[in-house]
Amino acid sequence: DEFAAKAAAYLQFVDSPGTYGDPTPNKPDPDDLHNPGNIPGHAVRQQTADLATLLDVAASDTGPAASASYFMFMEDDFRSCE
């Protein structure tokens, strides 16, 4: 349709190449009901690694941001900035 054609000219979706992984994959997950130190579990560590990979891919010389004036990424599972 018309809007999909316009979006294709301005948007690029990429899949993570999985460059970064969980730095401590064998570390046990904390107890979510009692975690006063707010220690991230495996899923949070992997999500953070995926975000770092996305930013590296987008900012690379051949990434989607290489020829763009602006770069926007969205994450719906956690707040990346405060």
PDB file of N, CA and C in Angstrom:
ATOM      1  N   ASP A   1       0.819  -1.176   0.000  1.00  0.00           N
ATOM      2  CA  ASP A   1       0.000   0.000   0.000  1.00  0.00           C
ATOM      3  C   ASP A   1       0.872   1.250   0.000  1.00  0.00           C
ATOM      4  N   GLU A   2       0.269   2.385  -0.119  1.00  0.00           N
ATOM      5  CA  GLU A   2       0.994   3.653  -0.257  1.00  0.00           C
ATOM      6  C   GLU A   2       1.870   3.962   0.959  1.00  0.00           C
ATOM      7  N   PHE A   3       1.330   3.724   2.162  1.00  0.00           N
ATOM      8  CA  PHE A   3       2.085   4.039   3.376  1.00  0.00           C
ATOM      9  C   PHE A   3       3.252   3.081   3.582  1.00  0.00           C
ATOM     10  N   ALA A   4       3.076   1.826   3.224  1.00  0.00           N
ATOM     11  CA  ALA A   4       4.171   0.862   3.340  1.00  0.00           C
ATOM     12  C   ALA A   4       5.316   1.226   2.403  1.00  0.00           C
ATOM     13  N   ALA A   5       4.993   1.710   1.228  1.00  0.00           N
ATOM     14  CA  ALA A   5       6.030   2.125   0.277  1.00  0.00           C
ATOM     15  C   ALA A   5       6.791   3.336   0.811  1.00  0.00           C
ATOM     16  N   LYS A   6       6.084   4.278   1.410  1.00  0.00           N
ATOM     17  CA  LYS A   6       6.750   5.447   1.990  1.00  0.00           C
ATOM     18  C   LYS A   6       7.625   5.034   3.172  1.00  0.00           C
ATOM     19  N   ALA A   7       7.123   4.164   4.010  1.00  0.00           N
ATOM     20  CA  ALA A   7       7.886   3.716   5.175  1.00  0.00           C
ATOM     21  C   ALA A   7       9.159   2.992   4.744  1.00  0.00           C
ATOM     22  N   ALA A   8       9.089   2.213   3.697  1.00  0.00           N
ATOM     23  CA  ALA A   8      10.266   1.486   3.221  1.00  0.00           C
ATOM     24  C   ALA A   8      11.375   2.430   2.792  1.00  0.00           C
ATOM     25  N   ALA A   9      11.017   3.632   2.356  1.00  0.00           N
ATOM     26  CA  ALA A   9      12.021   4.609   1.934  1.00  0.00           C
ATOM     27  C   ALA A   9      12.695   5.275   3.129  1.00  0.00           C
ATOM     28  N   TYR A  10      12.040   5.249   4.289  1.00  0.00           N
ATOM     29  CA  TYR A  10      12.561   5.983   5.446  1.00  0.00           C
ATOM     30  C   TYR A  10      12.937   5.109   6.630  1.00  0.00           C
ATOM     31  N   LEU A  11      12.489   3.889   6.665  1.00  0.00           N
ATOM     32  CA  LEU A  11      12.735   3.011   7.805  1.00  0.00           C
ATOM     33  C   LEU A  11      13.547   1.797   7.391  1.00  0.00           C
ATOM     34  N   GLN A  12      14.359   1.346   8.307  1.00  0.00           N
ATOM     35  CA  GLN A  12      15.094   0.108   8.084  1.00  0.00           C
ATOM     36  C   GLN A  12      15.056  -0.699   9.371  1.00  0.00           C
ATOM     37  N   PHE A  13      14.578  -1.916   9.275  1.00  0.00           N
ATOM     38  CA  PHE A  13      14.542  -2.805  10.422  1.00  0.00           C
ATOM     39  C   PHE A  13      15.713  -3.766  10.308  1.00  0.00           C
ATOM     40  N   VAL A  14      16.375  -4.032  11.419  1.00  0.00           N
ATOM     41  CA  VAL A  14      17.511  -4.948  11.415  1.00  0.00           C
ATOM     42  C   VAL A  14      17.314  -5.993  12.505  1.00  0.00           C
ATOM     43  N   ASP A  15      17.827  -7.170  12.259  1.00  0.00           N
ATOM     44  CA  ASP A  15      17.847  -8.228  13.261  1.00  0.00           C
ATOM     45  C   ASP A  15      19.196  -8.210  13.952  1.00  0.00           C
ATOM     46  N   SER A  16      19.201  -8.524  15.204  1.00  0.00           N
ATOM     47  CA  SER A  16      20.443  -8.542  15.966  1.00  0.00           C
ATOM     48  C   SER A  16      21.352  -9.664  15.480  1.00  0.00           C
ATOM     49  N   PRO A  17      22.615  -9.341  15.208  1.00  0.00           N
ATOM     50  CA  PRO A  17      23.543 -10.403  14.842  1.00  0.00           C
ATOM     51  C   PRO A  17      24.025 -11.180  16.066  1.00  0.00           C
ATOM     52  N   GLY A  18      23.599 -10.766  17.253  1.00  0.00           N
ATOM     53  CA  GLY A  18      23.985 -11.477  18.466  1.00  0.00           C
ATOM     54  C   GLY A  18      25.441 -11.296  18.837  1.00  0.00           C
ATOM     55  N   THR A  19      26.000 -10.146  18.503  1.00  0.00           N
ATOM     56  CA  THR A  19      27.414  -9.883  18.742  1.00  0.00           C
ATOM     57  C   THR A  19      27.782 -10.029  20.215  1.00  0.00           C
ATOM     58  N   TYR A  20      26.996  -9.436  21.073  1.00  0.00           N
ATOM     59  CA  TYR A  20      27.268  -9.506  22.504  1.00  0.00           C
ATOM     60  C   TYR A  20      26.331 -10.510  23.143  1.00  0.00           C
ATOM     61  N   GLY A  21      26.833 -11.187  24.125  1.00  0.00           N
ATOM     62  CA  GLY A  21      26.008 -12.139  24.864  1.00  0.00           C
ATOM     63  C   GLY A  21      26.054 -11.814  26.337  1.00  0.00           C
ATOM     64  N   ASP A  22      25.380 -12.584  27.100  1.00  0.00           N
ATOM     65  CA  ASP A  22      25.376 -12.443  28.546  1.00  0.00           C
ATOM     66  C   ASP A  22      26.802 -12.655  29.056  1.00  0.00           C
ATOM     67  N   PRO A  23      27.393 -11.659  29.733  1.00  0.00           N
ATOM     68  CA  PRO A  23      28.770 -11.808  30.195  1.00  0.00           C
ATOM     69  C   PRO A  23      28.929 -12.855  31.296  1.00  0.00           C
ATOM     70  N   THR A  24      27.851 -13.188  31.980  1.00  0.00           N
ATOM     71  CA  THR A  24      27.903 -14.205  33.032  1.00  0.00           C
ATOM     72  C   THR A  24      26.739 -15.183  32.840  1.00  0.00           C
ATOM     73  N   PRO A  25      26.785 -15.999  31.795  1.00  0.00           N
ATOM     74  CA  PRO A  25      25.636 -16.854  31.478  1.00  0.00           C
ATOM     75  C   PRO A  25      25.335 -17.918  32.535  1.00  0.00           C
ATOM     76  N   ASN A  26      26.313 -18.309  33.331  1.00  0.00           N
ATOM     77  CA  ASN A  26      26.090 -19.365  34.328  1.00  0.00           C
ATOM     78  C   ASN A  26      25.754 -18.827  35.709  1.00  0.00           C
ATOM     79  N   LYS A  27      25.680 -17.511  35.839  1.00  0.00           N
ATOM     80  CA  LYS A  27      25.341 -16.905  37.120  1.00  0.00           C
ATOM     81  C   LYS A  27      23.864 -17.161  37.413  1.00  0.00           C
ATOM     82  N   PRO A  28      23.550 -17.606  38.625  1.00  0.00           N
ATOM     83  CA  PRO A  28      22.134 -17.886  38.928  1.00  0.00           C
ATOM     84  C   PRO A  28      21.321 -16.595  38.969  1.00  0.00           C
ATOM     85  N   ASP A  29      20.060 -16.701  38.592  1.00  0.00           N
ATOM     86  CA  ASP A  29      19.167 -15.542  38.636  1.00  0.00           C
ATOM     87  C   ASP A  29      18.830 -15.206  40.085  1.00  0.00           C
ATOM     88  N   PRO A  30      18.708 -13.916  40.386  1.00  0.00           N
ATOM     89  CA  PRO A  30      18.329 -13.530  41.752  1.00  0.00           C
ATOM     90  C   PRO A  30      16.858 -13.840  42.016  1.00  0.00           C
ATOM     91  N   ASP A  31      16.510 -13.855  43.282  1.00  0.00           N
ATOM     92  CA  ASP A  31      15.117 -14.037  43.686  1.00  0.00           C
ATOM     93  C   ASP A  31      14.385 -12.720  43.436  1.00  0.00           C
ATOM     94  N   ASP A  32      13.479 -12.701  42.463  1.00  0.00           N
ATOM     95  CA  ASP A  32      12.785 -11.460  42.107  1.00  0.00           C
ATOM     96  C   ASP A  32      11.931 -10.902  43.238  1.00  0.00           C
ATOM     97  N   LEU A  33      11.501 -11.757  44.164  1.00  0.00           N
ATOM     98  CA  LEU A  33      10.673 -11.292  45.267  1.00  0.00           C
ATOM     99  C   LEU A  33      11.514 -10.729  46.410  1.00  0.00           C
ATOM    100  N   HIS A  34      12.806 -11.045  46.414  1.00  0.00           N
ATOM    101  CA  HIS A  34      13.708 -10.504  47.446  1.00  0.00           C
ATOM    102  C   HIS A  34      15.043 -10.196  46.778  1.00  0.00           C
ATOM    103  N   ASN A  35      15.132  -9.007  46.202  1.00  0.00           N
ATOM    104  CA  ASN A  35      16.333  -8.594  45.476  1.00  0.00           C
ATOM    105  C   ASN A  35      16.662  -7.146  45.856  1.00  0.00           C
ATOM    106  N   PRO A  36      17.052  -6.917  47.128  1.00  0.00           N
ATOM    107  CA  PRO A  36      17.291  -5.535  47.570  1.00  0.00           C
ATOM    108  C   PRO A  36      18.448  -4.857  46.836  1.00  0.00           C
ATOM    109  N   GLY A  37      19.376  -5.630  46.277  1.00  0.00           N
ATOM    110  CA  GLY A  37      20.490  -5.053  45.538  1.00  0.00           C
ATOM    111  C   GLY A  37      20.159  -4.753  44.092  1.00  0.00           C
ATOM    112  N   ASN A  38      18.923  -5.081  43.680  1.00  0.00           N
ATOM    113  CA  ASN A  38      18.473  -4.859  42.301  1.00  0.00           C
ATOM    114  C   ASN A  38      19.459  -5.470  41.297  1.00  0.00           C
ATOM    115  N   ILE A  39      19.842  -6.710  41.538  1.00  0.00           N
ATOM    116  CA  ILE A  39      20.793  -7.424  40.685  1.00  0.00           C
ATOM    117  C   ILE A  39      20.052  -7.978  39.466  1.00  0.00           C
ATOM    118  N   PRO A  40      20.523  -7.685  38.257  1.00  0.00           N
ATOM    119  CA  PRO A  40      19.814  -8.160  37.066  1.00  0.00           C
ATOM    120  C   PRO A  40      19.966  -9.663  36.854  1.00  0.00           C
ATOM    121  N   GLY A  41      18.893 -10.269  36.398  1.00  0.00           N
ATOM    122  CA  GLY A  41      18.923 -11.682  36.061  1.00  0.00           C
ATOM    123  C   GLY A  41      19.385 -11.880  34.619  1.00  0.00           C
ATOM    124  N   HIS A  42      19.379 -13.144  34.175  1.00  0.00           N
ATOM    125  CA  HIS A  42      19.861 -13.483  32.827  1.00  0.00           C
ATOM    126  C   HIS A  42      19.104 -12.721  31.746  1.00  0.00           C
ATOM    127  N   ALA A  43      17.772 -12.666  31.838  1.00  0.00           N
ATOM    128  CA  ALA A  43      16.975 -12.010  30.783  1.00  0.00           C
ATOM    129  C   ALA A  43      17.326 -10.530  30.669  1.00  0.00           C
ATOM    130  N   VAL A  44      17.528  -9.862  31.788  1.00  0.00           N
ATOM    131  CA  VAL A  44      17.870  -8.435  31.765  1.00  0.00           C
ATOM    132  C   VAL A  44      19.264  -8.237  31.195  1.00  0.00           C
ATOM    133  N   ARG A  45      20.206  -9.093  31.590  1.00  0.00           N
ATOM    134  CA  ARG A  45      21.573  -8.982  31.056  1.00  0.00           C
ATOM    135  C   ARG A  45      21.585  -9.214  29.547  1.00  0.00           C
ATOM    136  N   GLN A  46      20.804 -10.190  29.069  1.00  0.00           N
ATOM    137  CA  GLN A  46      20.746 -10.457  27.632  1.00  0.00           C
ATOM    138  C   GLN A  46      20.081  -9.308  26.892  1.00  0.00           C
ATOM    139  N   GLN A  47      19.053  -8.733  27.475  1.00  0.00           N
ATOM    140  CA  GLN A  47      18.362  -7.599  26.859  1.00  0.00           C
ATOM    141  C   GLN A  47      19.305  -6.407  26.730  1.00  0.00           C
ATOM    142  N   THR A  48      20.116  -6.168  27.750  1.00  0.00           N
ATOM    143  CA  THR A  48      21.089  -5.079  27.708  1.00  0.00           C
ATOM    144  C   THR A  48      22.142  -5.339  26.637  1.00  0.00           C
ATOM    145  N   ALA A  49      22.602  -6.588  26.526  1.00  0.00           N
ATOM    146  CA  ALA A  49      23.570  -6.954  25.491  1.00  0.00           C
ATOM    147  C   ALA A  49      22.966  -6.773  24.101  1.00  0.00           C
ATOM    148  N   ASP A  50      21.704  -7.133  23.936  1.00  0.00           N
ATOM    149  CA  ASP A  50      21.031  -6.952  22.638  1.00  0.00           C
ATOM    150  C   ASP A  50      20.940  -5.477  22.268  1.00  0.00           C
ATOM    151  N   LEU A  51      20.655  -4.625  23.250  1.00  0.00           N
ATOM    152  CA  LEU A  51      20.571  -3.187  22.989  1.00  0.00           C
ATOM    153  C   LEU A  51      21.937  -2.631  22.597  1.00  0.00           C
ATOM    154  N   ALA A  52      22.996  -3.060  23.281  1.00  0.00           N
ATOM    155  CA  ALA A  52      24.348  -2.612  22.929  1.00  0.00           C
ATOM    156  C   ALA A  52      24.711  -3.063  21.519  1.00  0.00           C
ATOM    157  N   THR A  53      24.319  -4.271  21.146  1.00  0.00           N
ATOM    158  CA  THR A  53      24.564  -4.767  19.793  1.00  0.00           C
ATOM    159  C   THR A  53      23.828  -3.912  18.771  1.00  0.00           C
ATOM    160  N   LEU A  54      22.559  -3.593  19.039  1.00  0.00           N
ATOM    161  CA  LEU A  54      21.770  -2.761  18.132  1.00  0.00           C
ATOM    162  C   LEU A  54      22.438  -1.409  17.909  1.00  0.00           C
ATOM    163  N   LEU A  55      22.881  -0.778  18.979  1.00  0.00           N
ATOM    164  CA  LEU A  55      23.522   0.530  18.847  1.00  0.00           C
ATOM    165  C   LEU A  55      24.818   0.433  18.043  1.00  0.00           C
ATOM    166  N   ASP A  56      25.600  -0.607  18.255  1.00  0.00           N
ATOM    167  CA  ASP A  56      26.835  -0.797  17.478  1.00  0.00           C
ATOM    168  C   ASP A  56      26.540  -1.024  15.997  1.00  0.00           C
ATOM    169  N   VAL A  57      25.554  -1.857  15.700  1.00  0.00           N
ATOM    170  CA  VAL A  57      25.191  -2.140  14.306  1.00  0.00           C
ATOM    171  C   VAL A  57      24.687  -0.872  13.625  1.00  0.00           C
ATOM    172  N   ALA A  58      23.819  -0.141  14.316  1.00  0.00           N
ATOM    173  CA  ALA A  58      23.247   1.071  13.716  1.00  0.00           C
ATOM    174  C   ALA A  58      24.306   2.139  13.479  1.00  0.00           C
ATOM    175  N   ALA A  59      25.271   2.236  14.356  1.00  0.00           N
ATOM    176  CA  ALA A  59      26.284   3.287  14.248  1.00  0.00           C
ATOM    177  C   ALA A  59      27.476   2.898  13.377  1.00  0.00           C
ATOM    178  N   SER A  60      27.514   1.658  12.915  1.00  0.00           N
ATOM    179  CA  SER A  60      28.644   1.224  12.093  1.00  0.00           C
ATOM    180  C   SER A  60      28.634   1.933  10.739  1.00  0.00           C
ATOM    181  N   ASP A  61      29.746   1.878  10.039  1.00  0.00           N
ATOM    182  CA  ASP A  61      29.872   2.550   8.738  1.00  0.00           C
ATOM    183  C   ASP A  61      28.883   2.036   7.702  1.00  0.00           C
ATOM    184  N   THR A  62      28.412   0.814   7.862  1.00  0.00           N
ATOM    185  CA  THR A  62      27.457   0.241   6.909  1.00  0.00           C
ATOM    186  C   THR A  62      26.077   0.060   7.522  1.00  0.00           C
ATOM    187  N   GLY A  63      25.898   0.509   8.758  1.00  0.00           N
ATOM    188  CA  GLY A  63      24.621   0.347   9.442  1.00  0.00           C
ATOM    189  C   GLY A  63      23.575   1.329   8.953  1.00  0.00           C
ATOM    190  N   PRO A  64      22.354   1.170   9.438  1.00  0.00           N
ATOM    191  CA  PRO A  64      21.258   2.024   8.982  1.00  0.00           C
ATOM    192  C   PRO A  64      21.448   3.493   9.330  1.00  0.00           C
ATOM    193  N   ALA A  65      22.214   3.812  10.337  1.00  0.00           N
ATOM    194  CA  ALA A  65      22.409   5.213  10.710  1.00  0.00           C
ATOM    195  C   ALA A  65      23.555   5.868   9.949  1.00  0.00           C
ATOM    196  N   ALA A  66      24.285   5.104   9.157  1.00  0.00           N
ATOM    197  CA  ALA A  66      25.455   5.645   8.458  1.00  0.00           C
ATOM    198  C   ALA A  66      25.080   6.768   7.488  1.00  0.00           C
ATOM    199  N   SER A  67      23.944   6.659   6.859  1.00  0.00           N
ATOM    200  CA  SER A  67      23.553   7.679   5.885  1.00  0.00           C
ATOM    201  C   SER A  67      22.358   8.501   6.367  1.00  0.00           C
ATOM    202  N   ALA A  68      22.049   8.416   7.642  1.00  0.00           N
ATOM    203  CA  ALA A  68      20.873   9.101   8.170  1.00  0.00           C
ATOM    204  C   ALA A  68      21.250  10.373   8.914  1.00  0.00           C
ATOM    205  N   SER A  69      20.363  11.324   8.883  1.00  0.00           N
ATOM    206  CA  SER A  69      20.550  12.536   9.668  1.00  0.00           C
ATOM    207  C   SER A  69      20.139  12.314  11.114  1.00  0.00           C
ATOM    208  N   TYR A  70      19.209  11.404  11.331  1.00  0.00           N
ATOM    209  CA  TYR A  70      18.683  11.109  12.656  1.00  0.00           C
ATOM    210  C   TYR A  70      18.637   9.608  12.861  1.00  0.00           C
ATOM    211  N   PHE A  71      18.686   9.223  14.123  1.00  0.00           N
ATOM    212  CA  PHE A  71      18.590   7.808  14.486  1.00  0.00           C
ATOM    213  C   PHE A  71      17.661   7.691  15.677  1.00  0.00           C
ATOM    214  N   MET A  72      16.691   6.815  15.607  1.00  0.00           N
ATOM    215  CA  MET A  72      15.786   6.587  16.717  1.00  0.00           C
ATOM    216  C   MET A  72      15.655   5.092  16.942  1.00  0.00           C
ATOM    217  N   PHE A  73      15.745   4.686  18.189  1.00  0.00           N
ATOM    218  CA  PHE A  73      15.432   3.304  18.499  1.00  0.00           C
ATOM    219  C   PHE A  73      14.391   3.313  19.603  1.00  0.00           C
ATOM    220  N   MET A  74      13.628   2.248  19.659  1.00  0.00           N
ATOM    221  CA  MET A  74      12.573   2.150  20.664  1.00  0.00           C
ATOM    222  C   MET A  74      12.753   0.845  21.420  1.00  0.00           C
ATOM    223  N   GLU A  75      12.518   0.909  22.682  1.00  0.00           N
ATOM    224  CA  GLU A  75      12.550  -0.276  23.536  1.00  0.00           C
ATOM    225  C   GLU A  75      11.331  -0.222  24.433  1.00  0.00           C
ATOM    226  N   ASP A  76      10.517  -1.252  24.383  1.00  0.00           N
ATOM    227  CA  ASP A  76       9.267  -1.211  25.149  1.00  0.00           C
ATOM    228  C   ASP A  76       9.328  -1.998  26.445  1.00  0.00           C
ATOM    229  N   ASP A  77      10.468  -2.631  26.745  1.00  0.00           N
ATOM    230  CA  ASP A  77      10.538  -3.462  27.941  1.00  0.00           C
ATOM    231  C   ASP A  77      11.231  -2.802  29.127  1.00  0.00           C
ATOM    232  N   PHE A  78      12.034  -1.780  28.878  1.00  0.00           N
ATOM    233  CA  PHE A  78      12.688  -1.107  29.983  1.00  0.00           C
ATOM    234  C   PHE A  78      13.036   0.323  29.606  1.00  0.00           C
ATOM    235  N   ARG A  79      13.215   1.145  30.621  1.00  0.00           N
ATOM    236  CA  ARG A  79      13.579   2.554  30.420  1.00  0.00           C
ATOM    237  C   ARG A  79      15.083   2.618  30.193  1.00  0.00           C
ATOM    238  N   SER A  80      15.498   3.138  29.061  1.00  0.00           N
ATOM    239  CA  SER A  80      16.928   3.180  28.760  1.00  0.00           C
ATOM    240  C   SER A  80      17.590   4.444  29.301  1.00  0.00           C
ATOM    241  N   CYS A  81      16.819   5.478  29.590  1.00  0.00           N
ATOM    242  CA  CYS A  81      17.355   6.729  30.143  1.00  0.00           C
ATOM    243  C   CYS A  81      16.400   7.258  31.204  1.00  0.00           C
ATOM    244  N   GLU A  82      16.947   8.032  32.088  1.00  0.00           N
ATOM    245  CA  GLU A  82      16.095   8.679  33.086  1.00  0.00           C
ATOM    246  C   GLU A  82      16.270  10.167  33.012  1.00  0.00           C
TER     247      GLU A  82
END
